């Protein structure tokens, strides 16, 4: 069954660090991490080594902050 995970961390090079908290749908936490690496890498041109994920937690469908994730989860 697909779950919703909230991943928090930082990304960027040297002095320019940016924090993030992203909700993604995935089967397991490892898949959620891959999705975040892919999304941040494509949007911000960061390499995987520049992305540090500090926490991964499962969240209920009603508590997600992402409108897209919430809409996709309503049908289940």
PDB file of N, CA and C in Angstrom:
ATOM      1  N   UNK A   1       0.844  -1.189   0.000  1.00  0.00           N
ATOM      2  CA  UNK A   1       0.000   0.000   0.000  1.00  0.00           C
ATOM      3  C   UNK A   1       0.887   1.251   0.000  1.00  0.00           C
ATOM      4  N   UNK A   2       0.486   2.231  -0.744  1.00  0.00           N
ATOM      5  CA  UNK A   2       1.256   3.474  -0.842  1.00  0.00           C
ATOM      6  C   UNK A   2       1.038   4.318   0.411  1.00  0.00           C
ATOM      7  N   UNK A   3       2.132   4.834   0.963  1.00  0.00           N
ATOM      8  CA  UNK A   3       2.096   5.670   2.160  1.00  0.00           C
ATOM      9  C   UNK A   3       2.616   7.055   1.822  1.00  0.00           C
ATOM     10  N   UNK A   4       2.413   7.982   2.733  1.00  0.00           N
ATOM     11  CA  UNK A   4       2.908   9.345   2.565  1.00  0.00           C
ATOM     12  C   UNK A   4       4.042   9.552   3.562  1.00  0.00           C
ATOM     13  N   UNK A   5       5.170  10.038   3.057  1.00  0.00           N
ATOM     14  CA  UNK A   5       6.344  10.297   3.897  1.00  0.00           C
ATOM     15  C   UNK A   5       6.700  11.772   3.816  1.00  0.00           C
ATOM     16  N   UNK A   6       7.105  12.317   4.961  1.00  0.00           N
ATOM     17  CA  UNK A   6       7.607  13.695   5.009  1.00  0.00           C
ATOM     18  C   UNK A   6       9.112  13.623   5.241  1.00  0.00           C
ATOM     19  N   UNK A   7       9.856  14.180   4.299  1.00  0.00           N
ATOM     20  CA  UNK A   7      11.311  14.181   4.380  1.00  0.00           C
ATOM     21  C   UNK A   7      11.786  15.602   4.639  1.00  0.00           C
ATOM     22  N   UNK A   8      12.687  15.747   5.590  1.00  0.00           N
ATOM     23  CA  UNK A   8      13.252  17.054   5.925  1.00  0.00           C
ATOM     24  C   UNK A   8      14.757  16.996   5.769  1.00  0.00           C
ATOM     25  N   UNK A   9      15.335  18.130   5.406  1.00  0.00           N
ATOM     26  CA  UNK A   9      16.774  18.192   5.256  1.00  0.00           C
ATOM     27  C   UNK A   9      17.237  19.520   4.704  1.00  0.00           C
ATOM     28  N   UNK A  10      18.487  19.520   4.186  1.00  0.00           N
ATOM     29  CA  UNK A  10      19.070  20.720   3.600  1.00  0.00           C
ATOM     30  C   UNK A  10      19.760  20.345   2.291  1.00  0.00           C
ATOM     31  N   UNK A  11      19.903  21.336   1.418  1.00  0.00           N
ATOM     32  CA  UNK A  11      20.624  21.120   0.169  1.00  0.00           C
ATOM     33  C   UNK A  11      21.345  22.393  -0.217  1.00  0.00           C
ATOM     34  N   UNK A  12      22.331  22.261  -1.067  1.00  0.00           N
ATOM     35  CA  UNK A  12      23.072  23.405  -1.570  1.00  0.00           C
ATOM     36  C   UNK A  12      24.559  23.197  -1.444  1.00  0.00           C
ATOM     37  N   UNK A  13      25.286  24.113  -2.015  1.00  0.00           N
ATOM     38  CA  UNK A  13      26.734  24.058  -1.992  1.00  0.00           C
ATOM     39  C   UNK A  13      27.298  25.028  -0.967  1.00  0.00           C
ATOM     40  N   UNK A  14      28.395  24.664  -0.372  1.00  0.00           N
ATOM     41  CA  UNK A  14      29.213  25.509   0.494  1.00  0.00           C
ATOM     42  C   UNK A  14      28.383  26.423   1.386  1.00  0.00           C
ATOM     43  N   UNK A  15      28.396  27.729   1.164  1.00  0.00           N
ATOM     44  CA  UNK A  15      27.724  28.669   2.047  1.00  0.00           C
ATOM     45  C   UNK A  15      26.232  28.805   1.823  1.00  0.00           C
ATOM     46  N   UNK A  16      25.737  28.440   0.655  1.00  0.00           N
ATOM     47  CA  UNK A  16      24.320  28.634   0.335  1.00  0.00           C
ATOM     48  C   UNK A  16      23.536  27.360   0.646  1.00  0.00           C
ATOM     49  N   UNK A  17      23.029  27.252   1.861  1.00  0.00           N
ATOM     50  CA  UNK A  17      22.248  26.085   2.277  1.00  0.00           C
ATOM     51  C   UNK A  17      20.770  26.471   2.350  1.00  0.00           C
ATOM     52  N   UNK A  18      19.936  25.580   1.909  1.00  0.00           N
ATOM     53  CA  UNK A  18      18.498  25.802   1.930  1.00  0.00           C
ATOM     54  C   UNK A  18      17.824  24.612   2.600  1.00  0.00           C
ATOM     55  N   UNK A  19      16.869  24.878   3.462  1.00  0.00           N
ATOM     56  CA  UNK A  19      16.133  23.814   4.123  1.00  0.00           C
ATOM     57  C   UNK A  19      14.919  23.409   3.315  1.00  0.00           C
ATOM     58  N   UNK A  20      14.463  22.175   3.518  1.00  0.00           N
ATOM     59  CA  UNK A  20      13.264  21.715   2.828  1.00  0.00           C
ATOM     60  C   UNK A  20      12.491  20.728   3.697  1.00  0.00           C
ATOM     61  N   UNK A  21      11.209  20.653   3.445  1.00  0.00           N
ATOM     62  CA  UNK A  21      10.311  19.646   4.015  1.00  0.00           C
ATOM     63  C   UNK A  21       9.352  19.281   2.886  1.00  0.00           C
ATOM     64  N   UNK A  22       9.444  18.052   2.405  1.00  0.00           N
ATOM     65  CA  UNK A  22       8.684  17.618   1.240  1.00  0.00           C
ATOM     66  C   UNK A  22       7.869  16.386   1.588  1.00  0.00           C
ATOM     67  N   UNK A  23       6.595  16.378   1.189  1.00  0.00           N
ATOM     68  CA  UNK A  23       5.734  15.204   1.332  1.00  0.00           C
ATOM     69  C   UNK A  23       5.692  14.476  -0.004  1.00  0.00           C
ATOM     70  N   UNK A  24       5.961  13.171   0.035  1.00  0.00           N
ATOM     71  CA  UNK A  24       5.926  12.352  -1.178  1.00  0.00           C
ATOM     72  C   UNK A  24       5.186  11.054  -0.889  1.00  0.00           C
ATOM     73  N   UNK A  25       4.654  10.457  -1.960  1.00  0.00           N
ATOM     74  CA  UNK A  25       4.000   9.154  -1.856  1.00  0.00           C
ATOM     75  C   UNK A  25       4.988   8.089  -2.310  1.00  0.00           C
ATOM     76  N   UNK A  26       5.097   7.007  -1.519  1.00  0.00           N
ATOM     77  CA  UNK A  26       6.015   5.929  -1.865  1.00  0.00           C
ATOM     78  C   UNK A  26       5.620   4.661  -1.117  1.00  0.00           C
ATOM     79  N   UNK A  27       6.153   3.548  -1.584  1.00  0.00           N
ATOM     80  CA  UNK A  27       5.888   2.268  -0.936  1.00  0.00           C
ATOM     81  C   UNK A  27       6.727   2.079   0.328  1.00  0.00           C
ATOM     82  N   UNK A  28       7.976   2.576   0.298  1.00  0.00           N
ATOM     83  CA  UNK A  28       8.865   2.436   1.454  1.00  0.00           C
ATOM     84  C   UNK A  28       9.756   3.672   1.545  1.00  0.00           C
ATOM     85  N   UNK A  29      10.365   3.907   2.713  1.00  0.00           N
ATOM     86  CA  UNK A  29      11.180   5.117   2.908  1.00  0.00           C
ATOM     87  C   UNK A  29      12.316   5.274   1.901  1.00  0.00           C
ATOM     88  N   UNK A  30      12.924   4.181   1.472  1.00  0.00           N
ATOM     89  CA  UNK A  30      14.022   4.266   0.505  1.00  0.00           C
ATOM     90  C   UNK A  30      13.532   4.837  -0.828  1.00  0.00           C
ATOM     91  N   UNK A  31      12.322   4.464  -1.232  1.00  0.00           N
ATOM     92  CA  UNK A  31      11.749   5.005  -2.468  1.00  0.00           C
ATOM     93  C   UNK A  31      11.454   6.501  -2.330  1.00  0.00           C
ATOM     94  N   UNK A  32      11.016   6.908  -1.144  1.00  0.00           N
ATOM     95  CA  UNK A  32      10.739   8.326  -0.896  1.00  0.00           C
ATOM     96  C   UNK A  32      12.023   9.144  -0.994  1.00  0.00           C
ATOM     97  N   UNK A  33      13.134   8.609  -0.460  1.00  0.00           N
ATOM     98  CA  UNK A  33      14.415   9.306  -0.550  1.00  0.00           C
ATOM     99  C   UNK A  33      14.847   9.466  -2.001  1.00  0.00           C
ATOM    100  N   UNK A  34      14.698   8.432  -2.793  1.00  0.00           N
ATOM    101  CA  UNK A  34      15.061   8.508  -4.210  1.00  0.00           C
ATOM    102  C   UNK A  34      14.256   9.584  -4.930  1.00  0.00           C
ATOM    103  N   UNK A  35      12.973   9.684  -4.609  1.00  0.00           N
ATOM    104  CA  UNK A  35      12.109  10.691  -5.227  1.00  0.00           C
ATOM    105  C   UNK A  35      12.595  12.102  -4.888  1.00  0.00           C
ATOM    106  N   UNK A  36      12.972  12.314  -3.637  1.00  0.00           N
ATOM    107  CA  UNK A  36      13.456  13.636  -3.213  1.00  0.00           C
ATOM    108  C   UNK A  36      14.781  13.968  -3.892  1.00  0.00           C
ATOM    109  N   UNK A  37      15.706  13.004  -3.946  1.00  0.00           N
ATOM    110  CA  UNK A  37      16.978  13.248  -4.639  1.00  0.00           C
ATOM    111  C   UNK A  37      16.722  13.626  -6.098  1.00  0.00           C
ATOM    112  N   UNK A  38      15.809  12.935  -6.735  1.00  0.00           N
ATOM    113  CA  UNK A  38      15.500  13.197  -8.141  1.00  0.00           C
ATOM    114  C   UNK A  38      14.871  14.575  -8.328  1.00  0.00           C
ATOM    115  N   UNK A  39      13.887  14.906  -7.500  1.00  0.00           N
ATOM    116  CA  UNK A  39      13.183  16.186  -7.626  1.00  0.00           C
ATOM    117  C   UNK A  39      14.097  17.377  -7.367  1.00  0.00           C
ATOM    118  N   UNK A  40      14.851  17.342  -6.271  1.00  0.00           N
ATOM    119  CA  UNK A  40      15.732  18.459  -5.944  1.00  0.00           C
ATOM    120  C   UNK A  40      16.860  18.566  -6.966  1.00  0.00           C
ATOM    121  N   UNK A  41      17.377  17.443  -7.406  1.00  0.00           N
ATOM    122  CA  UNK A  41      18.440  17.464  -8.410  1.00  0.00           C
ATOM    123  C   UNK A  41      17.994  18.081  -9.714  1.00  0.00           C
ATOM    124  N   UNK A  42      16.772  17.787 -10.136  1.00  0.00           N
ATOM    125  CA  UNK A  42      16.306  18.328 -11.411  1.00  0.00           C
ATOM    126  C   UNK A  42      15.872  19.789 -11.305  1.00  0.00           C
ATOM    127  N   UNK A  43      15.292  20.185 -10.186  1.00  0.00           N
ATOM    128  CA  UNK A  43      14.811  21.559 -10.045  1.00  0.00           C
ATOM    129  C   UNK A  43      15.917  22.547  -9.686  1.00  0.00           C
ATOM    130  N   UNK A  44      16.894  22.100  -8.889  1.00  0.00           N
ATOM    131  CA  UNK A  44      17.911  23.015  -8.380  1.00  0.00           C
ATOM    132  C   UNK A  44      19.322  22.694  -8.855  1.00  0.00           C
ATOM    133  N   UNK A  45      19.450  21.706  -9.736  1.00  0.00           N
ATOM    134  CA  UNK A  45      20.749  21.317 -10.292  1.00  0.00           C
ATOM    135  C   UNK A  45      21.759  20.957  -9.203  1.00  0.00           C
ATOM    136  N   UNK A  46      21.292  20.229  -8.187  1.00  0.00           N
ATOM    137  CA  UNK A  46      22.155  19.771  -7.102  1.00  0.00           C
ATOM    138  C   UNK A  46      22.507  18.304  -7.318  1.00  0.00           C
ATOM    139  N   UNK A  47      23.714  17.956  -6.955  1.00  0.00           N
ATOM    140  CA  UNK A  47      24.113  16.557  -6.983  1.00  0.00           C
ATOM    141  C   UNK A  47      23.616  15.883  -5.703  1.00  0.00           C
ATOM    142  N   UNK A  48      23.548  14.564  -5.729  1.00  0.00           N
ATOM    143  CA  UNK A  48      23.052  13.823  -4.568  1.00  0.00           C
ATOM    144  C   UNK A  48      23.874  14.100  -3.317  1.00  0.00           C
ATOM    145  N   UNK A  49      25.169  14.282  -3.481  1.00  0.00           N
ATOM    146  CA  UNK A  49      26.016  14.522  -2.308  1.00  0.00           C
ATOM    147  C   UNK A  49      25.760  15.893  -1.680  1.00  0.00           C
ATOM    148  N   UNK A  50      25.075  16.783  -2.400  1.00  0.00           N
ATOM    149  CA  UNK A  50      24.748  18.103  -1.875  1.00  0.00           C
ATOM    150  C   UNK A  50      23.396  18.125  -1.173  1.00  0.00           C
ATOM    151  N   UNK A  51      22.684  16.999  -1.185  1.00  0.00           N
ATOM    152  CA  UNK A  51      21.382  16.895  -0.525  1.00  0.00           C
ATOM    153  C   UNK A  51      21.554  16.033   0.717  1.00  0.00           C
ATOM    154  N   UNK A  52      21.200  16.591   1.879  1.00  0.00           N
ATOM    155  CA  UNK A  52      21.282  15.848   3.133  1.00  0.00           C
ATOM    156  C   UNK A  52      19.883  15.698   3.707  1.00  0.00           C
ATOM    157  N   UNK A  53      19.396  14.469   3.769  1.00  0.00           N
ATOM    158  CA  UNK A  53      18.084  14.191   4.342  1.00  0.00           C
ATOM    159  C   UNK A  53      18.298  13.882   5.820  1.00  0.00           C
ATOM    160  N   UNK A  54      17.662  14.675   6.685  1.00  0.00           N
ATOM    161  CA  UNK A  54      17.865  14.516   8.127  1.00  0.00           C
ATOM    162  C   UNK A  54      16.790  13.664   8.790  1.00  0.00           C
ATOM    163  N   UNK A  55      15.573  13.647   8.238  1.00  0.00           N
ATOM    164  CA  UNK A  55      14.531  12.824   8.847  1.00  0.00           C
ATOM    165  C   UNK A  55      13.517  12.361   7.801  1.00  0.00           C
ATOM    166  N   UNK A  56      12.994  11.168   8.040  1.00  0.00           N
ATOM    167  CA  UNK A  56      11.947  10.584   7.207  1.00  0.00           C
ATOM    168  C   UNK A  56      10.878  10.072   8.163  1.00  0.00           C
ATOM    169  N   UNK A  57       9.649  10.576   8.006  1.00  0.00           N
ATOM    170  CA  UNK A  57       8.570  10.111   8.877  1.00  0.00           C
ATOM    171  C   UNK A  57       7.301   9.891   8.067  1.00  0.00           C
ATOM    172  N   UNK A  58       6.545   8.901   8.467  1.00  0.00           N
ATOM    173  CA  UNK A  58       5.276   8.619   7.806  1.00  0.00           C
ATOM    174  C   UNK A  58       4.214   9.538   8.394  1.00  0.00           C
ATOM    175  N   UNK A  59       3.394  10.132   7.533  1.00  0.00           N
ATOM    176  CA  UNK A  59       2.334  11.027   7.993  1.00  0.00           C
ATOM    177  C   UNK A  59       0.991  10.531   7.463  1.00  0.00           C
ATOM    178  N   UNK A  60      -0.077  10.763   8.230  1.00  0.00           N
ATOM    179  CA  UNK A  60      -1.412  10.395   7.743  1.00  0.00           C
ATOM    180  C   UNK A  60      -1.819  11.269   6.563  1.00  0.00           C
ATOM    181  N   UNK A  61      -2.718  10.769   5.741  1.00  0.00           N
ATOM    182  CA  UNK A  61      -3.142  11.488   4.534  1.00  0.00           C
ATOM    183  C   UNK A  61      -3.749  12.851   4.864  1.00  0.00           C
ATOM    184  N   UNK A  62      -4.415  12.986   5.976  1.00  0.00           N
ATOM    185  CA  UNK A  62      -5.049  14.250   6.344  1.00  0.00           C
ATOM    186  C   UNK A  62      -4.081  15.316   6.806  1.00  0.00           C
ATOM    187  N   UNK A  63      -2.866  14.947   7.168  1.00  0.00           N
ATOM    188  CA  UNK A  63      -1.900  15.906   7.695  1.00  0.00           C
ATOM    189  C   UNK A  63      -0.888  16.394   6.667  1.00  0.00           C
ATOM    190  N   UNK A  64      -0.975  15.931   5.434  1.00  0.00           N
ATOM    191  CA  UNK A  64      -0.011  16.355   4.422  1.00  0.00           C
ATOM    192  C   UNK A  64      -0.229  17.814   4.042  1.00  0.00           C
ATOM    193  N   UNK A  65       0.860  18.498   3.741  1.00  0.00           N
ATOM    194  CA  UNK A  65       0.784  19.906   3.346  1.00  0.00           C
ATOM    195  C   UNK A  65       0.777  20.063   1.831  1.00  0.00           C
ATOM    196  N   UNK A  66       1.029  18.982   1.114  1.00  0.00           N
ATOM    197  CA  UNK A  66       1.074  19.030  -0.344  1.00  0.00           C
ATOM    198  C   UNK A  66      -0.313  18.781  -0.925  1.00  0.00           C
ATOM    199  N   UNK A  67      -0.807  19.720  -1.687  1.00  0.00           N
ATOM    200  CA  UNK A  67      -2.130  19.588  -2.294  1.00  0.00           C
ATOM    201  C   UNK A  67      -2.173  18.424  -3.279  1.00  0.00           C
ATOM    202  N   UNK A  68      -1.123  18.256  -4.061  1.00  0.00           N
ATOM    203  CA  UNK A  68      -1.073  17.167  -5.033  1.00  0.00           C
ATOM    204  C   UNK A  68      -1.109  15.803  -4.342  1.00  0.00           C
ATOM    205  N   UNK A  69      -0.302  15.638  -3.309  1.00  0.00           N
ATOM    206  CA  UNK A  69      -0.270  14.365  -2.578  1.00  0.00           C
ATOM    207  C   UNK A  69      -1.627  14.092  -1.939  1.00  0.00           C
ATOM    208  N   UNK A  70      -2.254  15.138  -1.402  1.00  0.00           N
ATOM    209  CA  UNK A  70      -3.561  14.981  -0.767  1.00  0.00           C
ATOM    210  C   UNK A  70      -4.614  14.539  -1.787  1.00  0.00           C
ATOM    211  N   UNK A  71      -4.611  15.153  -2.967  1.00  0.00           N
ATOM    212  CA  UNK A  71      -5.577  14.803  -4.000  1.00  0.00           C
ATOM    213  C   UNK A  71      -5.357  13.388  -4.526  1.00  0.00           C
ATOM    214  N   UNK A  72      -4.116  12.979  -4.689  1.00  0.00           N
ATOM    215  CA  UNK A  72      -3.819  11.632  -5.162  1.00  0.00           C
ATOM    216  C   UNK A  72      -4.207  10.584  -4.122  1.00  0.00           C
ATOM    217  N   UNK A  73      -4.154  10.924  -2.845  1.00  0.00           N
ATOM    218  CA  UNK A  73      -4.449   9.970  -1.790  1.00  0.00           C
ATOM    219  C   UNK A  73      -5.952   9.847  -1.504  1.00  0.00           C
ATOM    220  N   UNK A  74      -6.762  10.772  -1.978  1.00  0.00           N
ATOM    221  CA  UNK A  74      -8.197  10.734  -1.707  1.00  0.00           C
ATOM    222  C   UNK A  74      -8.875   9.533  -2.347  1.00  0.00           C
ATOM    223  N   UNK A  75      -8.371   9.075  -3.472  1.00  0.00           N
ATOM    224  CA  UNK A  75      -9.001   7.965  -4.187  1.00  0.00           C
ATOM    225  C   UNK A  75      -8.756   6.609  -3.558  1.00  0.00           C
ATOM    226  N   UNK A  76      -7.876   6.541  -2.580  1.00  0.00           N
ATOM    227  CA  UNK A  76      -7.534   5.245  -1.978  1.00  0.00           C
ATOM    228  C   UNK A  76      -8.376   4.944  -0.783  1.00  0.00           C
TER     229      UNK A  76
END
